[in-house]
Amino acid sequence: MFRFEKDLENIGKGDLTNKVTLRKKDQMTDMADSLNAMTAGLHKKVLGVQTELANILKAFEQNASEDLIGQLKQLHQKIESAFKI
């Protein structure tokens, strides 16, 4: 159970690369599998948002105001610091 709690704590802190691992005979393996599927789905979505934001930022750097570019860069950094993907 300690490992299960630590895995959940890491995911809760934004580590979307973390997987819940239990022994095959543990009663909660189905729950662990569901949590891993949920985390993988979140990882994919956050990575997609981060990638799109990076693409938008590249496009705007050529024509946008410095203020808008700064805001986009801050958003990109917040996503990177909030999630391990």
Protein backbone atom coordinates (compact mmCIF):
# COMPACT_ATOMS: atom_id res chain seq x y z
CA MET A 1 0.00 0.00 0.00
CA PHE A 2 2.85 2.39 0.71
CA ARG A 3 4.08 2.18 -2.89
CA PHE A 4 0.50 2.69 -4.15
CA GLU A 5 0.15 5.84 -2.04
CA LYS A 6 3.54 7.16 -3.20
CA ASP A 7 2.62 6.55 -6.85
CA LEU A 8 -0.67 8.44 -6.38
CA GLU A 9 1.14 11.26 -4.61
CA ASN A 10 3.59 11.61 -7.51
CA ILE A 11 0.76 11.63 -10.05
CA GLY A 12 -1.06 14.21 -7.95
CA LYS A 13 2.04 16.42 -8.09
CA GLY A 14 1.90 16.35 -11.89
CA ASP A 15 4.19 13.43 -12.78
CA LEU A 16 2.17 12.00 -15.64
CA THR A 17 4.98 9.57 -16.48
CA ASN A 18 4.44 7.72 -13.19
CA LYS A 19 2.66 4.37 -13.26
CA VAL A 20 0.98 2.65 -10.36
CA THR A 21 2.63 -0.72 -9.86
CA LEU A 22 1.29 -3.49 -7.69
CA ARG A 23 2.06 -7.16 -7.37
CA LYS A 24 -0.09 -9.39 -9.57
CA LYS A 25 -1.86 -10.91 -6.57
CA ASP A 26 -2.85 -7.59 -5.00
CA GLN A 27 -6.57 -6.96 -4.76
CA MET A 28 -6.33 -3.49 -6.27
CA THR A 29 -4.64 -4.35 -9.57
CA ASP A 30 -7.81 -3.48 -11.52
CA MET A 31 -7.88 -0.06 -9.87
CA ALA A 32 -4.18 0.41 -10.60
CA ASP A 33 -4.78 -0.47 -14.26
CA SER A 34 -7.62 2.07 -14.45
CA LEU A 35 -5.49 4.76 -12.80
CA ASN A 36 -2.67 4.05 -15.23
CA ALA A 37 -5.05 4.34 -18.17
CA MET A 38 -6.38 7.64 -16.80
CA THR A 39 -2.86 8.98 -16.25
CA ALA A 40 -1.82 7.95 -19.77
CA GLY A 41 -4.86 9.76 -21.17
CA LEU A 42 -4.03 12.91 -19.20
CA HIS A 43 -0.41 12.66 -20.33
CA LYS A 44 -1.49 12.52 -23.96
CA LYS A 45 -3.85 15.49 -23.59
CA VAL A 46 -1.38 17.70 -21.70
CA LEU A 47 1.36 16.85 -24.19
CA GLY A 48 -1.02 17.78 -27.02
CA VAL A 49 -1.81 21.13 -25.40
CA GLN A 50 1.86 21.80 -24.79
CA THR A 51 2.75 20.94 -28.38
CA GLU A 52 -0.01 23.14 -29.79
CA LEU A 53 1.03 26.00 -27.55
CA ALA A 54 4.63 25.67 -28.73
CA ASN A 55 3.43 25.75 -32.36
CA ILE A 56 1.28 28.82 -31.72
CA LEU A 57 4.17 30.52 -29.97
CA LYS A 58 6.47 29.90 -32.95
CA ALA A 59 3.87 31.31 -35.33
CA PHE A 60 3.23 34.38 -33.21
CA GLU A 61 6.88 35.19 -32.57
CA GLN A 62 7.16 36.57 -36.07
CA ASN A 63 4.14 38.89 -36.00
CA ALA A 64 2.74 39.28 -32.49
CA SER A 65 3.36 41.90 -29.87
CA GLU A 66 6.01 41.29 -27.22
CA ASP A 67 3.30 41.28 -24.54
CA LEU A 68 1.37 38.45 -26.20
CA ILE A 69 4.56 36.49 -26.82
CA GLY A 70 5.50 36.93 -23.16
CA GLN A 71 2.10 35.67 -22.01
CA LEU A 72 2.31 32.63 -24.27
CA LYS A 73 5.82 31.85 -23.02
CA GLN A 74 4.63 32.10 -19.41
CA LEU A 75 1.75 29.71 -20.12
CA HIS A 76 4.13 27.28 -21.81
CA GLN A 77 6.48 27.41 -18.80
CA LYS A 78 3.61 26.87 -16.36
CA ILE A 79 2.54 23.74 -18.21
CA GLU A 80 6.12 22.44 -18.29
CA SER A 81 6.64 23.10 -14.57
CA ALA A 82 3.25 21.69 -13.52
CA PHE A 83 3.50 18.37 -15.35
CA LYS A 84 6.22 15.85 -15.97
CA ILE A 85 5.42 14.51 -19.43
